Amino acid sequence: MRETKYWTWHMAAGVVIFFLLGLHMLIMHVGGITHLFAPHGGEATSKVNSLYRDGSLFFLTTYVLLLGVALYHGLYGLRTILFELTLKPAVEKAVSVVLLVAGLGLFGLGAWAAFATHAIAIAGARG
């Protein structure tokens, strides 16, 4: 039953990734046409538009959410693939612990970077 719950979260994470990456593609790659989240005109990747997005709480939230669900989806998928090798239970537990620690470490690093970028954008926007 426990594995079913994790697999359900894995599938839900895939759906969230689909929508958040779709939003990313719309903003970053079609942004020149739509000017979505590019209030200063021009390219979506221009410095002023990038600072605008980095200073937005909406984008901070979506960046951290995308980071979390992508890490969970990818690392749980890797764990599932490795477990199909019919490893010994002790090795399976070690693999789970290593992936959990790596995932938490990468999430911490990525979240720190998102919050730091947000703080820099806010400070830069004020002068």
C-alpha atoms as a PDB file:
ATOM      1  CA  MET A   1       0.000   0.000   0.000  1.00  0.00           C
ATOM      2  CA  ARG A   2       2.856   2.350   0.830  1.00  0.00           C
ATOM      3  CA  GLU A   3       4.485   1.924  -2.588  1.00  0.00           C
ATOM      4  CA  THR A   4       1.136   2.694  -4.256  1.00  0.00           C
ATOM      5  CA  LYS A   5       1.034   6.020  -2.410  1.00  0.00           C
ATOM      6  CA  TYR A   6       4.563   6.887  -3.581  1.00  0.00           C
ATOM      7  CA  TRP A   7       3.718   5.881  -7.153  1.00  0.00           C
ATOM      8  CA  THR A   8       0.587   8.068  -7.052  1.00  0.00           C
ATOM      9  CA  TRP A   9       2.726  11.016  -5.890  1.00  0.00           C
ATOM     10  CA  HIS A  10       5.168  10.192  -8.701  1.00  0.00           C
ATOM     11  CA  MET A  11       2.371  10.430 -11.288  1.00  0.00           C
ATOM     12  CA  ALA A  12       0.971  13.627  -9.728  1.00  0.00           C
ATOM     13  CA  ALA A  13       4.458  15.160  -9.825  1.00  0.00           C
ATOM     14  CA  GLY A  14       4.607  14.361 -13.537  1.00  0.00           C
ATOM     15  CA  VAL A  15       1.355  16.268 -14.112  1.00  0.00           C
ATOM     16  CA  VAL A  16       2.621  19.279 -12.133  1.00  0.00           C
ATOM     17  CA  ILE A  17       5.898  19.220 -14.100  1.00  0.00           C
ATOM     18  CA  PHE A  18       3.900  19.157 -17.338  1.00  0.00           C
ATOM     19  CA  PHE A  19       1.992  22.323 -16.416  1.00  0.00           C
ATOM     20  CA  LEU A  20       4.926  24.224 -14.898  1.00  0.00           C
ATOM     21  CA  LEU A  21       7.219  23.432 -17.831  1.00  0.00           C
ATOM     22  CA  GLY A  22       4.411  24.436 -20.194  1.00  0.00           C
ATOM     23  CA  LEU A  23       4.220  27.777 -18.392  1.00  0.00           C
ATOM     24  CA  HIS A  24       8.013  28.103 -18.610  1.00  0.00           C
ATOM     25  CA  MET A  25       7.963  27.399 -22.361  1.00  0.00           C
ATOM     26  CA  LEU A  26       5.160  29.906 -22.867  1.00  0.00           C
ATOM     27  CA  ILE A  27       6.989  32.647 -20.980  1.00  0.00           C
ATOM     28  CA  MET A  28      10.562  32.054 -22.081  1.00  0.00           C
ATOM     29  CA  HIS A  29      10.191  30.787 -25.627  1.00  0.00           C
ATOM     30  CA  VAL A  30       6.952  32.351 -26.831  1.00  0.00           C
ATOM     31  CA  GLY A  31       7.364  35.431 -24.628  1.00  0.00           C
ATOM     32  CA  GLY A  32       8.679  37.514 -27.504  1.00  0.00           C
ATOM     33  CA  ILE A  33       5.314  37.114 -29.200  1.00  0.00           C
ATOM     34  CA  THR A  34       2.972  37.157 -26.202  1.00  0.00           C
ATOM     35  CA  HIS A  35       4.948  39.550 -23.951  1.00  0.00           C
ATOM     36  CA  LEU A  36       3.626  37.449 -21.073  1.00  0.00           C
ATOM     37  CA  PHE A  37       5.448  38.455 -17.887  1.00  0.00           C
ATOM     38  CA  ALA A  38       7.623  40.821 -19.894  1.00  0.00           C
ATOM     39  CA  PRO A  39       6.157  44.184 -18.920  1.00  0.00           C
ATOM     40  CA  HIS A  40       9.144  46.114 -20.212  1.00  0.00           C
ATOM     41  CA  GLY A  41       8.776  44.774 -23.758  1.00  0.00           C
ATOM     42  CA  GLY A  42      11.549  43.178 -25.736  1.00  0.00           C
ATOM     43  CA  GLU A  43      12.895  39.711 -25.129  1.00  0.00           C
ATOM     44  CA  ALA A  44      11.734  37.627 -22.179  1.00  0.00           C
ATOM     45  CA  THR A  45      15.398  36.932 -21.418  1.00  0.00           C
ATOM     46  CA  SER A  46      16.420  40.587 -21.158  1.00  0.00           C
ATOM     47  CA  LYS A  47      17.961  41.662 -17.866  1.00  0.00           C
ATOM     48  CA  VAL A  48      15.098  43.954 -16.862  1.00  0.00           C
ATOM     49  CA  ASN A  49      12.437  41.296 -17.563  1.00  0.00           C
ATOM     50  CA  SER A  50      14.500  38.665 -15.781  1.00  0.00           C
ATOM     51  CA  LEU A  51      14.813  40.896 -12.715  1.00  0.00           C
ATOM     52  CA  TYR A  52      11.057  41.496 -12.844  1.00  0.00           C
ATOM     53  CA  ARG A  53      10.354  37.741 -12.788  1.00  0.00           C
ATOM     54  CA  ASP A  54      13.025  37.017 -10.172  1.00  0.00           C
ATOM     55  CA  GLY A  55      11.512  39.645  -7.876  1.00  0.00           C
ATOM     56  CA  SER A  56       8.034  38.144  -8.188  1.00  0.00           C
ATOM     57  CA  LEU A  57       6.735  35.942  -5.377  1.00  0.00           C
ATOM     58  CA  PHE A  58       4.721  33.957  -7.946  1.00  0.00           C
ATOM     59  CA  PHE A  59       7.865  32.958  -9.822  1.00  0.00           C
ATOM     60  CA  LEU A  60       9.781  32.184  -6.619  1.00  0.00           C
ATOM     61  CA  THR A  61       6.976  29.830  -5.611  1.00  0.00           C
ATOM     62  CA  THR A  62       6.791  28.145  -9.010  1.00  0.00           C
ATOM     63  CA  TYR A  63      10.584  27.742  -9.218  1.00  0.00           C
ATOM     64  CA  VAL A  64      10.764  26.052  -5.822  1.00  0.00           C
ATOM     65  CA  LEU A  65       7.675  23.928  -6.560  1.00  0.00           C
ATOM     66  CA  LEU A  66       9.086  22.841  -9.930  1.00  0.00           C
ATOM     67  CA  LEU A  67      12.414  22.016  -8.292  1.00  0.00           C
ATOM     68  CA  GLY A  68      10.744  19.884  -5.628  1.00  0.00           C
ATOM     69  CA  VAL A  69       8.424  17.934  -7.909  1.00  0.00           C
ATOM     70  CA  ALA A  70      11.124  17.425 -10.564  1.00  0.00           C
ATOM     71  CA  LEU A  71      13.578  16.078  -7.998  1.00  0.00           C
ATOM     72  CA  TYR A  72      10.950  13.774  -6.479  1.00  0.00           C
ATOM     73  CA  HIS A  73       9.778  12.556  -9.883  1.00  0.00           C
ATOM     74  CA  GLY A  74      13.299  11.940 -11.176  1.00  0.00           C
ATOM     75  CA  LEU A  75      14.790  10.378  -8.059  1.00  0.00           C
ATOM     76  CA  TYR A  76      11.768   8.171  -7.372  1.00  0.00           C
ATOM     77  CA  GLY A  77      11.899   7.017 -10.998  1.00  0.00           C
ATOM     78  CA  LEU A  78      15.613   6.248 -10.629  1.00  0.00           C
ATOM     79  CA  ARG A  79      14.916   4.372  -7.382  1.00  0.00           C
ATOM     80  CA  THR A  80      12.215   2.315  -9.118  1.00  0.00           C
ATOM     81  CA  ILE A  81      14.566   1.438 -11.976  1.00  0.00           C
ATOM     82  CA  LEU A  82      17.322   0.416  -9.559  1.00  0.00           C
ATOM     83  CA  PHE A  83      14.933  -1.726  -7.512  1.00  0.00           C
ATOM     84  CA  GLU A  84      14.028  -3.700 -10.637  1.00  0.00           C
ATOM     85  CA  LEU A  85      17.572  -5.064 -10.550  1.00  0.00           C
ATOM     86  CA  THR A  86      16.367  -7.248  -7.624  1.00  0.00           C
ATOM     87  CA  LEU A  87      18.899  -5.940  -5.145  1.00  0.00           C
ATOM     88  CA  LYS A  88      19.277  -7.256  -1.630  1.00  0.00           C
ATOM     89  CA  PRO A  89      17.035  -5.527   0.938  1.00  0.00           C
ATOM     90  CA  ALA A  90      20.031  -3.879   2.636  1.00  0.00           C
ATOM     91  CA  VAL A  91      21.235  -2.457  -0.679  1.00  0.00           C
ATOM     92  CA  GLU A  92      17.716  -1.241  -1.486  1.00  0.00           C
ATOM     93  CA  LYS A  93      17.580   0.561   1.848  1.00  0.00           C
ATOM     94  CA  ALA A  94      21.009   2.114   1.224  1.00  0.00           C
ATOM     95  CA  VAL A  95      19.935   3.249  -2.250  1.00  0.00           C
ATOM     96  CA  SER A  96      16.789   4.826  -0.766  1.00  0.00           C
ATOM     97  CA  VAL A  97      18.793   6.661   1.893  1.00  0.00           C
ATOM     98  CA  VAL A  98      21.402   7.911  -0.584  1.00  0.00           C
ATOM     99  CA  LEU A  99      18.724   9.177  -2.986  1.00  0.00           C
ATOM    100  CA  LEU A 100      16.808  10.819  -0.138  1.00  0.00           C
ATOM    101  CA  VAL A 101      19.904  12.617   1.168  1.00  0.00           C
ATOM    102  CA  ALA A 102      20.953  13.643  -2.358  1.00  0.00           C
ATOM    103  CA  GLY A 103      17.443  14.884  -3.131  1.00  0.00           C
ATOM    104  CA  LEU A 104      17.177  16.901   0.075  1.00  0.00           C
ATOM    105  CA  GLY A 105      20.651  18.359  -0.492  1.00  0.00           C
ATOM    106  CA  LEU A 106      19.878  19.345  -4.083  1.00  0.00           C
ATOM    107  CA  PHE A 107      16.517  20.782  -3.046  1.00  0.00           C
ATOM    108  CA  GLY A 108      18.175  22.827  -0.302  1.00  0.00           C
ATOM    109  CA  LEU A 109      20.791  24.162  -2.713  1.00  0.00           C
ATOM    110  CA  GLY A 110      18.234  24.978  -5.399  1.00  0.00           C
ATOM    111  CA  ALA A 111      15.799  26.607  -2.971  1.00  0.00           C
ATOM    112  CA  TRP A 112      18.621  28.680  -1.495  1.00  0.00           C
ATOM    113  CA  ALA A 113      19.572  29.838  -5.011  1.00  0.00           C
ATOM    114  CA  ALA A 114      15.956  30.769  -5.800  1.00  0.00           C
ATOM    115  CA  PHE A 115      15.563  32.731  -2.558  1.00  0.00           C
ATOM    116  CA  ALA A 116      18.950  34.433  -3.026  1.00  0.00           C
ATOM    117  CA  THR A 117      18.058  35.431  -6.584  1.00  0.00           C
ATOM    118  CA  HIS A 118      14.709  36.746  -5.353  1.00  0.00           C
ATOM    119  CA  ALA A 119      16.436  38.819  -2.662  1.00  0.00           C
ATOM    120  CA  ILE A 120      18.961  40.203  -5.161  1.00  0.00           C
ATOM    121  CA  ALA A 121      16.186  41.142  -7.583  1.00  0.00           C
ATOM    122  CA  ILE A 122      14.213  42.868  -4.820  1.00  0.00           C
ATOM    123  CA  ALA A 123      17.292  44.770  -3.620  1.00  0.00           C
ATOM    124  CA  GLY A 124      18.220  45.725  -7.188  1.00  0.00           C
ATOM    125  CA  ALA A 125      14.693  46.882  -7.935  1.00  0.00           C
ATOM    126  CA  ARG A 126      14.780  49.303  -5.003  1.00  0.00           C
ATOM    127  CA  GLY A 127      17.984  50.921  -6.127  1.00  0.00           C
END
